[in-house]
């Protein structure tokens, strides 16, 4: 019986010692495997270049780029340009229904002509009354008419002059009304504000639009520029006219030249940076507005 107890106790001791052995083995493996499996740090092959150069990135932009908005309510009656179309300054891109405005403008023009004719009639009558007054004055001097008759001729001539002035103002009003309608009619012609290309079209024929709706997005194709900020330590080290190299991820094998166009004369106190604008030079046919680009500057000690 004591022998069985001894065997049973020995088995328990062996079983209890196994987890300790396993834990010891895993700890040993962990302490050894960690340095062996850790990946070596990559070599910084561009350390020298990064120490001597400062890179900034951003999109390529153009000076002339905007969305054309509707200047009045109306219905799009005709589209003359679409996405990708190259346009010139003043070229009509679309037309709104102008029938009502055209009729109103013709009516206003007719009122202007009628007022002009009325004014000419009053001017002619004023001349007649001036002649009558001059004759009455001579007759008064010859004591052939009474003073009342002279004054009657005088007042009629003066009253007619006031009528002439009144009709002159009516003519001014008629012409301004006509000009106002003509301006409204011009707003039905959506024109390109500058030479460029139609990047987007937001409307279709027959669509009802209201004032302020987007119609087209027109952008110039050049000159291409890039706007970015530099740390304030570059103040005095970046000058207008300075040349620099510029690259783009879309054309990694090519490098382009750019020239500093503007440098902010003050430092932004919120970010401690200065604004810089550069303009690309040379052949930039492969580049487009909106493409990402990277400019390279020499670092400042």
C-alpha atoms as a PDB file:
ATOM      1  CA  UNK A   1       0.000   0.000   0.000  1.00  0.00           C
ATOM      2  CA  UNK A   2       2.810   2.388   0.810  1.00  0.00           C
ATOM      3  CA  UNK A   3       4.444   1.454  -2.488  1.00  0.00           C
ATOM      4  CA  UNK A   4       1.294   2.457  -4.411  1.00  0.00           C
ATOM      5  CA  UNK A   5       1.158   5.739  -2.583  1.00  0.00           C
ATOM      6  CA  UNK A   6       4.780   6.362  -3.441  1.00  0.00           C
ATOM      7  CA  UNK A   7       4.143   5.656  -7.140  1.00  0.00           C
ATOM      8  CA  UNK A   8       1.065   7.863  -7.131  1.00  0.00           C
ATOM      9  CA  UNK A   9       3.005  10.684  -5.522  1.00  0.00           C
ATOM     10  CA  UNK A  10       5.831  10.340  -8.033  1.00  0.00           C
ATOM     11  CA  UNK A  11       3.394  10.583 -10.951  1.00  0.00           C
ATOM     12  CA  UNK A  12       1.849  13.722  -9.493  1.00  0.00           C
ATOM     13  CA  UNK A  13       5.264  15.297  -9.056  1.00  0.00           C
ATOM     14  CA  UNK A  14       6.191  14.517 -12.670  1.00  0.00           C
ATOM     15  CA  UNK A  15       2.875  15.890 -13.991  1.00  0.00           C
ATOM     16  CA  UNK A  16       3.178  19.086 -12.012  1.00  0.00           C
ATOM     17  CA  UNK A  17       6.724  19.628 -13.203  1.00  0.00           C
ATOM     18  CA  UNK A  18       5.811  19.386 -16.906  1.00  0.00           C
ATOM     19  CA  UNK A  19       4.094  22.870 -17.143  1.00  0.00           C
ATOM     20  CA  UNK A  20       7.098  24.412 -15.475  1.00  0.00           C
ATOM     21  CA  UNK A  21       9.400  22.820 -18.010  1.00  0.00           C
ATOM     22  CA  UNK A  22       7.163  23.929 -20.922  1.00  0.00           C
ATOM     23  CA  UNK A  23       6.965  27.509 -19.636  1.00  0.00           C
ATOM     24  CA  UNK A  24      10.692  27.583 -19.247  1.00  0.00           C
ATOM     25  CA  UNK A  25      11.110  26.359 -22.809  1.00  0.00           C
ATOM     26  CA  UNK A  26       8.715  28.983 -24.254  1.00  0.00           C
ATOM     27  CA  UNK A  27      10.395  31.765 -22.355  1.00  0.00           C
ATOM     28  CA  UNK A  28      13.692  30.601 -23.660  1.00  0.00           C
ATOM     29  CA  UNK A  29      12.394  30.492 -27.198  1.00  0.00           C
ATOM     30  CA  UNK A  30      10.877  33.996 -26.877  1.00  0.00           C
ATOM     31  CA  UNK A  31      14.020  35.582 -25.534  1.00  0.00           C
ATOM     32  CA  UNK A  32      16.082  34.041 -28.299  1.00  0.00           C
ATOM     33  CA  UNK A  33      13.653  34.410 -31.235  1.00  0.00           C
ATOM     34  CA  UNK A  34      12.889  38.089 -30.776  1.00  0.00           C
ATOM     35  CA  UNK A  35      16.324  39.454 -31.725  1.00  0.00           C
ATOM     36  CA  UNK A  36      16.665  36.857 -34.425  1.00  0.00           C
ATOM     37  CA  UNK A  37      13.323  37.660 -36.077  1.00  0.00           C
ATOM     38  CA  UNK A  38      13.500  41.483 -35.803  1.00  0.00           C
ATOM     39  CA  UNK A  39      13.825  43.057 -39.292  1.00  0.00           C
ATOM     40  CA  UNK A  40      16.946  45.186 -39.798  1.00  0.00           C
ATOM     41  CA  UNK A  41      16.431  48.969 -40.151  1.00  0.00           C
ATOM     42  CA  UNK A  42      16.423  50.091 -43.817  1.00  0.00           C
ATOM     43  CA  UNK A  43      19.433  52.012 -44.961  1.00  0.00           C
ATOM     44  CA  UNK A  44      18.725  55.697 -45.569  1.00  0.00           C
ATOM     45  CA  UNK A  45      20.210  56.008 -49.034  1.00  0.00           C
ATOM     46  CA  UNK A  46      18.802  59.559 -49.485  1.00  0.00           C
ATOM     47  CA  UNK A  47      20.123  60.909 -46.205  1.00  0.00           C
ATOM     48  CA  UNK A  48      22.514  63.311 -47.894  1.00  0.00           C
ATOM     49  CA  UNK A  49      19.895  64.564 -50.335  1.00  0.00           C
ATOM     50  CA  UNK A  50      17.278  65.042 -47.613  1.00  0.00           C
ATOM     51  CA  UNK A  51      19.778  66.939 -45.491  1.00  0.00           C
ATOM     52  CA  UNK A  52      20.473  69.409 -48.323  1.00  0.00           C
ATOM     53  CA  UNK A  53      17.057  69.656 -49.927  1.00  0.00           C
ATOM     54  CA  UNK A  54      13.547  70.609 -48.865  1.00  0.00           C
ATOM     55  CA  UNK A  55      10.539  69.233 -50.728  1.00  0.00           C
ATOM     56  CA  UNK A  56       7.042  70.716 -50.960  1.00  0.00           C
ATOM     57  CA  UNK A  57       4.115  69.226 -52.818  1.00  0.00           C
ATOM     58  CA  UNK A  58       0.726  70.381 -54.029  1.00  0.00           C
ATOM     59  CA  UNK A  59      -1.557  70.532 -57.081  1.00  0.00           C
ATOM     60  CA  UNK A  60      -0.818  72.418 -60.270  1.00  0.00           C
ATOM     61  CA  UNK A  61      -3.147  75.379 -60.713  1.00  0.00           C
ATOM     62  CA  UNK A  62      -3.933  78.099 -63.242  1.00  0.00           C
ATOM     63  CA  UNK A  63      -4.844  81.726 -62.659  1.00  0.00           C
ATOM     64  CA  UNK A  64      -8.075  81.592 -64.675  1.00  0.00           C
ATOM     65  CA  UNK A  65     -10.406  78.854 -63.471  1.00  0.00           C
ATOM     66  CA  UNK A  66     -14.010  79.346 -62.388  1.00  0.00           C
ATOM     67  CA  UNK A  67     -17.565  78.092 -62.473  1.00  0.00           C
ATOM     68  CA  UNK A  68     -20.026  80.063 -64.583  1.00  0.00           C
ATOM     69  CA  UNK A  69     -23.256  80.801 -62.707  1.00  0.00           C
ATOM     70  CA  UNK A  70     -26.637  81.741 -64.129  1.00  0.00           C
ATOM     71  CA  UNK A  71     -27.273  85.488 -63.913  1.00  0.00           C
ATOM     72  CA  UNK A  72     -31.043  85.166 -64.301  1.00  0.00           C
ATOM     73  CA  UNK A  73     -33.861  82.633 -64.248  1.00  0.00           C
ATOM     74  CA  UNK A  74     -34.739  80.847 -67.463  1.00  0.00           C
ATOM     75  CA  UNK A  75     -34.842  77.678 -69.522  1.00  0.00           C
ATOM     76  CA  UNK A  76     -31.775  76.353 -71.357  1.00  0.00           C
ATOM     77  CA  UNK A  77     -32.785  76.408 -75.006  1.00  0.00           C
ATOM     78  CA  UNK A  78     -29.469  75.537 -76.646  1.00  0.00           C
ATOM     79  CA  UNK A  79     -26.074  74.081 -75.701  1.00  0.00           C
ATOM     80  CA  UNK A  80     -23.240  75.102 -77.986  1.00  0.00           C
ATOM     81  CA  UNK A  81     -20.274  73.621 -76.080  1.00  0.00           C
ATOM     82  CA  UNK A  82     -19.639  70.469 -74.087  1.00  0.00           C
ATOM     83  CA  UNK A  83     -16.945  68.992 -71.856  1.00  0.00           C
ATOM     84  CA  UNK A  84     -13.538  69.092 -73.532  1.00  0.00           C
ATOM     85  CA  UNK A  85     -14.432  71.899 -75.924  1.00  0.00           C
ATOM     86  CA  UNK A  86     -11.852  74.656 -76.300  1.00  0.00           C
ATOM     87  CA  UNK A  87     -13.381  78.102 -76.177  1.00  0.00           C
ATOM     88  CA  UNK A  88     -12.300  81.685 -76.693  1.00  0.00           C
ATOM     89  CA  UNK A  89     -13.118  84.693 -74.579  1.00  0.00           C
ATOM     90  CA  UNK A  90     -16.662  85.899 -75.324  1.00  0.00           C
ATOM     91  CA  UNK A  91     -17.700  82.727 -77.140  1.00  0.00           C
ATOM     92  CA  UNK A  92     -21.281  81.617 -76.444  1.00  0.00           C
ATOM     93  CA  UNK A  93     -21.458  78.316 -74.548  1.00  0.00           C
ATOM     94  CA  UNK A  94     -25.233  78.106 -74.102  1.00  0.00           C
ATOM     95  CA  UNK A  95     -28.416  80.122 -74.640  1.00  0.00           C
ATOM     96  CA  UNK A  96     -31.524  80.618 -72.521  1.00  0.00           C
ATOM     97  CA  UNK A  97     -35.021  81.100 -73.906  1.00  0.00           C
ATOM     98  CA  UNK A  98     -35.142  84.817 -74.779  1.00  0.00           C
ATOM     99  CA  UNK A  99     -38.471  85.213 -76.576  1.00  0.00           C
ATOM    100  CA  UNK A 100     -40.186  87.224 -73.841  1.00  0.00           C
ATOM    101  CA  UNK A 101     -37.177  89.470 -73.324  1.00  0.00           C
ATOM    102  CA  UNK A 102     -36.783  90.032 -77.067  1.00  0.00           C
ATOM    103  CA  UNK A 103     -40.434  91.112 -77.316  1.00  0.00           C
ATOM    104  CA  UNK A 104     -40.056  93.436 -74.319  1.00  0.00           C
ATOM    105  CA  UNK A 105     -36.919  94.928 -75.822  1.00  0.00           C
ATOM    106  CA  UNK A 106     -38.649  95.605 -79.136  1.00  0.00           C
ATOM    107  CA  UNK A 107     -41.512  97.305 -77.298  1.00  0.00           C
ATOM    108  CA  UNK A 108     -39.061  99.431 -75.330  1.00  0.00           C
ATOM    109  CA  UNK A 109     -37.253 100.387 -78.522  1.00  0.00           C
ATOM    110  CA  UNK A 110     -40.552 101.444 -80.065  1.00  0.00           C
ATOM    111  CA  UNK A 111     -41.306 103.634 -77.007  1.00  0.00           C
ATOM    112  CA  UNK A 112     -37.886 105.220 -77.355  1.00  0.00           C
ATOM    113  CA  UNK A 113     -38.524 106.085 -80.978  1.00  0.00           C
ATOM    114  CA  UNK A 114     -41.984 107.484 -80.135  1.00  0.00           C
ATOM    115  CA  UNK A 115     -40.529 109.626 -77.353  1.00  0.00           C
ATOM    116  CA  UNK A 116     -37.827 110.924 -79.673  1.00  0.00           C
ATOM    117  CA  UNK A 117     -40.481 111.915 -82.191  1.00  0.00           C
ATOM    118  CA  UNK A 118     -42.523 113.582 -79.449  1.00  0.00           C
ATOM    119  CA  UNK A 119     -39.453 115.507 -78.305  1.00  0.00           C
ATOM    120  CA  UNK A 120     -38.772 116.734 -81.833  1.00  0.00           C
ATOM    121  CA  UNK A 121     -42.384 117.884 -82.084  1.00  0.00           C
ATOM    122  CA  UNK A 122     -42.128 119.846 -78.811  1.00  0.00           C
ATOM    123  CA  UNK A 123     -38.862 121.419 -79.924  1.00  0.00           C
ATOM    124  CA  UNK A 124     -40.463 122.548 -83.204  1.00  0.00           C
ATOM    125  CA  UNK A 125     -43.444 123.991 -81.359  1.00  0.00           C
ATOM    126  CA  UNK A 126     -41.093 125.750 -78.950  1.00  0.00           C
ATOM    127  CA  UNK A 127     -39.410 127.464 -81.869  1.00  0.00           C
ATOM    128  CA  UNK A 128     -42.790 128.609 -83.184  1.00  0.00           C
ATOM    129  CA  UNK A 129     -43.726 130.065 -79.797  1.00  0.00           C
ATOM    130  CA  UNK A 130     -40.331 131.757 -79.544  1.00  0.00           C
ATOM    131  CA  UNK A 131     -41.005 133.413 -82.889  1.00  0.00           C
ATOM    132  CA  UNK A 132     -44.505 134.434 -81.725  1.00  0.00           C
ATOM    133  CA  UNK A 133     -43.054 135.948 -78.565  1.00  0.00           C
ATOM    134  CA  UNK A 134     -40.431 137.880 -80.519  1.00  0.00           C
ATOM    135  CA  UNK A 135     -43.127 139.275 -82.845  1.00  0.00           C
ATOM    136  CA  UNK A 136     -45.315 140.171 -79.842  1.00  0.00           C
ATOM    137  CA  UNK A 137     -42.402 142.032 -78.270  1.00  0.00           C
ATOM    138  CA  UNK A 138     -41.902 144.071 -81.436  1.00  0.00           C
ATOM    139  CA  UNK A 139     -45.630 144.846 -81.592  1.00  0.00           C
ATOM    140  CA  UNK A 140     -45.507 145.893 -77.942  1.00  0.00           C
ATOM    141  CA  UNK A 141     -42.629 148.210 -78.668  1.00  0.00           C
ATOM    142  CA  UNK A 142     -44.736 149.706 -81.493  1.00  0.00           C
ATOM    143  CA  UNK A 143     -47.633 150.068 -79.020  1.00  0.00           C
ATOM    144  CA  UNK A 144     -49.808 147.875 -81.262  1.00  0.00           C
ATOM    145  CA  UNK A 145     -50.752 145.264 -78.615  1.00  0.00           C
ATOM    146  CA  UNK A 146     -51.463 145.332 -74.948  1.00  0.00           C
ATOM    147  CA  UNK A 147     -49.103 144.217 -72.199  1.00  0.00           C
ATOM    148  CA  UNK A 148     -51.385 141.275 -71.444  1.00  0.00           C
ATOM    149  CA  UNK A 149     -50.941 140.003 -74.995  1.00  0.00           C
ATOM    150  CA  UNK A 150     -47.165 140.306 -74.703  1.00  0.00           C
ATOM    151  CA  UNK A 151     -47.100 138.424 -71.408  1.00  0.00           C
ATOM    152  CA  UNK A 152     -49.383 135.738 -72.820  1.00  0.00           C
ATOM    153  CA  UNK A 153     -46.939 135.084 -75.673  1.00  0.00           C
ATOM    154  CA  UNK A 154     -44.021 135.092 -73.223  1.00  0.00           C
ATOM    155  CA  UNK A 155     -45.593 132.586 -70.834  1.00  0.00           C
ATOM    156  CA  UNK A 156     -46.565 130.246 -73.638  1.00  0.00           C
ATOM    157  CA  UNK A 157     -42.987 130.216 -74.923  1.00  0.00           C
ATOM    158  CA  UNK A 158     -41.613 129.531 -71.416  1.00  0.00           C
ATOM    159  CA  UNK A 159     -44.168 126.768 -70.752  1.00  0.00           C
ATOM    160  CA  UNK A 160     -43.216 125.071 -73.971  1.00  0.00           C
ATOM    161  CA  UNK A 161     -39.548 125.051 -72.932  1.00  0.00           C
ATOM    162  CA  UNK A 162     -40.516 123.177 -69.758  1.00  0.00           C
ATOM    163  CA  UNK A 163     -42.436 120.677 -71.868  1.00  0.00           C
ATOM    164  CA  UNK A 164     -39.304 120.145 -73.933  1.00  0.00           C
ATOM    165  CA  UNK A 165     -37.289 119.412 -70.759  1.00  0.00           C
ATOM    166  CA  UNK A 166     -40.013 117.026 -69.529  1.00  0.00           C
ATOM    167  CA  UNK A 167     -39.995 115.018 -72.748  1.00  0.00           C
ATOM    168  CA  UNK A 168     -36.183 114.974 -72.746  1.00  0.00           C
ATOM    169  CA  UNK A 169     -36.279 113.210 -69.364  1.00  0.00           C
ATOM    170  CA  UNK A 170     -38.925 110.811 -70.669  1.00  0.00           C
ATOM    171  CA  UNK A 171     -36.552 109.977 -73.504  1.00  0.00           C
ATOM    172  CA  UNK A 172     -33.711 109.336 -71.038  1.00  0.00           C
ATOM    173  CA  UNK A 173     -35.985 107.011 -69.086  1.00  0.00           C
ATOM    174  CA  UNK A 174     -37.059 105.175 -72.245  1.00  0.00           C
ATOM    175  CA  UNK A 175     -33.444 104.693 -73.344  1.00  0.00           C
ATOM    176  CA  UNK A 176     -32.364 103.412 -69.919  1.00  0.00           C
ATOM    177  CA  UNK A 177     -35.288 100.980 -69.860  1.00  0.00           C
ATOM    178  CA  UNK A 178     -34.219  99.749 -73.272  1.00  0.00           C
ATOM    179  CA  UNK A 179     -30.606  99.387 -72.097  1.00  0.00           C
ATOM    180  CA  UNK A 180     -31.738  97.460 -69.012  1.00  0.00           C
ATOM    181  CA  UNK A 181     -33.712  95.006 -71.116  1.00  0.00           C
ATOM    182  CA  UNK A 182     -30.765  94.658 -73.484  1.00  0.00           C
ATOM    183  CA  UNK A 183     -28.518  93.769 -70.525  1.00  0.00           C
ATOM    184  CA  UNK A 184     -31.057  91.174 -69.387  1.00  0.00           C
ATOM    185  CA  UNK A 185     -31.110  89.779 -72.910  1.00  0.00           C
ATOM    186  CA  UNK A 186     -27.312  89.492 -72.883  1.00  0.00           C
ATOM    187  CA  UNK A 187     -27.569  87.420 -69.696  1.00  0.00           C
ATOM    188  CA  UNK A 188     -29.373  84.747 -71.725  1.00  0.00           C
ATOM    189  CA  UNK A 189     -26.105  84.197 -73.619  1.00  0.00           C
ATOM    190  CA  UNK A 190     -23.650  82.233 -71.466  1.00  0.00           C
ATOM    191  CA  UNK A 191     -20.210  83.334 -72.661  1.00  0.00           C
ATOM    192  CA  UNK A 192     -16.690  82.139 -71.909  1.00  0.00           C
ATOM    193  CA  UNK A 193     -14.900  84.676 -69.681  1.00  0.00           C
ATOM    194  CA  UNK A 194     -11.456  83.772 -71.079  1.00  0.00           C
ATOM    195  CA  UNK A 195      -9.688  81.393 -73.438  1.00  0.00           C
ATOM    196  CA  UNK A 196      -9.691  77.871 -72.060  1.00  0.00           C
ATOM    197  CA  UNK A 197     -11.404  74.513 -72.030  1.00  0.00           C
ATOM    198  CA  UNK A 198     -14.784  73.369 -70.696  1.00  0.00           C
ATOM    199  CA  UNK A 199     -13.970  71.049 -67.793  1.00  0.00           C
ATOM    200  CA  UNK A 200     -17.555  70.352 -66.638  1.00  0.00           C
ATOM    201  CA  UNK A 201     -21.129  70.936 -67.768  1.00  0.00           C
ATOM    202  CA  UNK A 202     -23.856  71.019 -65.131  1.00  0.00           C
ATOM    203  CA  UNK A 203     -26.979  71.663 -67.250  1.00  0.00           C
ATOM    204  CA  UNK A 204     -28.838  70.143 -70.173  1.00  0.00           C
ATOM    205  CA  UNK A 205     -31.165  71.489 -72.848  1.00  0.00           C
ATOM    206  CA  UNK A 206     -34.673  72.196 -71.629  1.00  0.00           C
ATOM    207  CA  UNK A 207     -33.616  72.466 -67.986  1.00  0.00           C
ATOM    208  CA  UNK A 208     -35.200  75.167 -65.833  1.00  0.00           C
ATOM    209  CA  UNK A 209     -32.542  77.134 -63.962  1.00  0.00           C
ATOM    210  CA  UNK A 210     -32.602  79.930 -61.425  1.00  0.00           C
ATOM    211  CA  UNK A 211     -30.169  82.736 -60.759  1.00  0.00           C
ATOM    212  CA  UNK A 212     -26.986  81.388 -59.164  1.00  0.00           C
ATOM    213  CA  UNK A 213     -27.189  77.852 -60.584  1.00  0.00           C
ATOM    214  CA  UNK A 214     -23.919  76.360 -61.833  1.00  0.00           C
ATOM    215  CA  UNK A 215     -23.740  76.058 -65.608  1.00  0.00           C
ATOM    216  CA  UNK A 216     -20.150  75.327 -66.696  1.00  0.00           C
ATOM    217  CA  UNK A 217     -16.716  74.984 -65.202  1.00  0.00           C
ATOM    218  CA  UNK A 218     -14.182  76.636 -67.501  1.00  0.00           C
ATOM    219  CA  UNK A 219     -10.463  76.491 -66.901  1.00  0.00           C
ATOM    220  CA  UNK A 220      -7.456  77.891 -68.692  1.00  0.00           C
ATOM    221  CA  UNK A 221      -4.750  75.437 -69.718  1.00  0.00           C
ATOM    222  CA  UNK A 222      -1.847  77.628 -68.741  1.00  0.00           C
ATOM    223  CA  UNK A 223       0.371  79.062 -67.549  1.00  0.00           C
ATOM    224  CA  UNK A 224       0.623  76.342 -64.914  1.00  0.00           C
ATOM    225  CA  UNK A 225       1.450  77.411 -61.390  1.00  0.00           C
ATOM    226  CA  UNK A 226       1.923  75.900 -57.952  1.00  0.00           C
ATOM    227  CA  UNK A 227       1.123  77.547 -54.615  1.00  0.00           C
ATOM    228  CA  UNK A 228       2.588  76.339 -51.317  1.00  0.00           C
ATOM    229  CA  UNK A 229       4.012  77.486 -47.992  1.00  0.00           C
ATOM    230  CA  UNK A 230       7.552  77.395 -46.647  1.00  0.00           C
ATOM    231  CA  UNK A 231       8.820  77.682 -43.059  1.00  0.00           C
ATOM    232  CA  UNK A 232       9.713  81.189 -41.958  1.00  0.00           C
ATOM    233  CA  UNK A 233      13.419  80.306 -41.972  1.00  0.00           C
ATOM    234  CA  UNK A 234      13.272  80.608 -45.769  1.00  0.00           C
ATOM    235  CA  UNK A 235      12.565  84.353 -45.516  1.00  0.00           C
ATOM    236  CA  UNK A 236      15.258  86.107 -47.507  1.00  0.00           C
ATOM    237  CA  UNK A 237      16.462  82.843 -49.056  1.00  0.00           C
ATOM    238  CA  UNK A 238      13.635  82.545 -51.620  1.00  0.00           C
ATOM    239  CA  UNK A 239      13.576  85.416 -54.094  1.00  0.00           C
ATOM    240  CA  UNK A 240      11.294  86.330 -56.948  1.00  0.00           C
ATOM    241  CA  UNK A 241      12.718  85.004 -60.221  1.00  0.00           C
ATOM    242  CA  UNK A 242      14.585  82.159 -58.533  1.00  0.00           C
ATOM    243  CA  UNK A 243      14.639  78.907 -60.537  1.00  0.00           C
ATOM    244  CA  UNK A 244      13.877  75.484 -59.098  1.00  0.00           C
ATOM    245  CA  UNK A 245      13.136  71.942 -60.235  1.00  0.00           C
ATOM    246  CA  UNK A 246       9.688  70.412 -60.184  1.00  0.00           C
ATOM    247  CA  UNK A 247       8.504  66.838 -60.723  1.00  0.00           C
ATOM    248  CA  UNK A 248       5.206  64.969 -60.728  1.00  0.00           C
ATOM    249  CA  UNK A 249       4.383  61.357 -59.774  1.00  0.00           C
ATOM    250  CA  UNK A 250       2.494  60.946 -63.058  1.00  0.00           C
ATOM    251  CA  UNK A 251       5.720  61.554 -65.022  1.00  0.00           C
ATOM    252  CA  UNK A 252       8.472  60.315 -62.705  1.00  0.00           C
ATOM    253  CA  UNK A 253      11.105  60.201 -65.423  1.00  0.00           C
ATOM    254  CA  UNK A 254      10.764  63.888 -66.327  1.00  0.00           C
ATOM    255  CA  UNK A 255      11.787  67.024 -64.518  1.00  0.00           C
ATOM    256  CA  UNK A 256      10.389  70.481 -65.185  1.00  0.00           C
ATOM    257  CA  UNK A 257      11.703  73.951 -64.541  1.00  0.00           C
ATOM    258  CA  UNK A 258       9.810  76.571 -62.602  1.00  0.00           C
ATOM    259  CA  UNK A 259      10.456  80.145 -61.548  1.00  0.00           C
ATOM    260  CA  UNK A 260       9.337  81.862 -58.353  1.00  0.00           C
ATOM    261  CA  UNK A 261       6.571  84.277 -59.308  1.00  0.00           C
ATOM    262  CA  UNK A 262       5.441  85.600 -55.918  1.00  0.00           C
ATOM    263  CA  UNK A 263       6.796  85.524 -52.384  1.00  0.00           C
ATOM    264  CA  UNK A 264       4.669  86.735 -49.493  1.00  0.00           C
ATOM    265  CA  UNK A 265       6.236  89.819 -47.875  1.00  0.00           C
ATOM    266  CA  UNK A 266       4.967  88.803 -44.421  1.00  0.00           C
ATOM    267  CA  UNK A 267       5.003  85.672 -42.261  1.00  0.00           C
ATOM    268  CA  UNK A 268       1.691  84.110 -41.305  1.00  0.00           C
ATOM    269  CA  UNK A 269       1.712  84.357 -37.478  1.00  0.00           C
ATOM    270  CA  UNK A 270      -0.659  81.388 -37.116  1.00  0.00           C
ATOM    271  CA  UNK A 271       1.565  78.908 -38.965  1.00  0.00           C
ATOM    272  CA  UNK A 272       4.955  80.696 -39.084  1.00  0.00           C
ATOM    273  CA  UNK A 273       5.090  80.194 -42.858  1.00  0.00           C
ATOM    274  CA  UNK A 274       5.324  82.280 -46.013  1.00  0.00           C
ATOM    275  CA  UNK A 275       3.278  81.838 -49.196  1.00  0.00           C
ATOM    276  CA  UNK A 276       5.129  81.138 -52.428  1.00  0.00           C
ATOM    277  CA  UNK A 277       3.821  80.875 -55.991  1.00  0.00           C
ATOM    278  CA  UNK A 278       5.927  79.404 -58.786  1.00  0.00           C
ATOM    279  CA  UNK A 279       5.195  79.264 -62.507  1.00  0.00           C
ATOM    280  CA  UNK A 280       6.328  76.475 -64.803  1.00  0.00           C
ATOM    281  CA  UNK A 281       8.446  77.273 -67.830  1.00  0.00           C
ATOM    282  CA  UNK A 282       9.254  75.471 -71.049  1.00  0.00           C
ATOM    283  CA  UNK A 283       7.268  72.637 -72.560  1.00  0.00           C
ATOM    284  CA  UNK A 284       4.392  71.696 -70.236  1.00  0.00           C
ATOM    285  CA  UNK A 285       2.063  70.022 -72.748  1.00  0.00           C
ATOM    286  CA  UNK A 286       2.074  66.764 -70.773  1.00  0.00           C
ATOM    287  CA  UNK A 287       0.924  68.501 -67.590  1.00  0.00           C
ATOM    288  CA  UNK A 288      -2.640  69.401 -66.666  1.00  0.00           C
ATOM    289  CA  UNK A 289      -4.172  71.608 -63.970  1.00  0.00           C
ATOM    290  CA  UNK A 290      -4.914  69.566 -60.864  1.00  0.00           C
ATOM    291  CA  UNK A 291      -1.992  67.150 -61.205  1.00  0.00           C
ATOM    292  CA  UNK A 292       0.149  66.634 -58.094  1.00  0.00           C
ATOM    293  CA  UNK A 293       3.636  68.079 -58.232  1.00  0.00           C
ATOM    294  CA  UNK A 294       6.668  68.329 -55.984  1.00  0.00           C
ATOM    295  CA  UNK A 295       9.088  71.276 -55.870  1.00  0.00           C
ATOM    296  CA  UNK A 296      12.629  71.032 -54.556  1.00  0.00           C
ATOM    297  CA  UNK A 297      14.461  73.745 -52.590  1.00  0.00           C
ATOM    298  CA  UNK A 298      17.891  73.817 -51.031  1.00  0.00           C
ATOM    299  CA  UNK A 299      17.655  73.738 -47.257  1.00  0.00           C
ATOM    300  CA  UNK A 300      18.558  76.759 -45.184  1.00  0.00           C
ATOM    301  CA  UNK A 301      21.350  76.358 -42.595  1.00  0.00           C
END
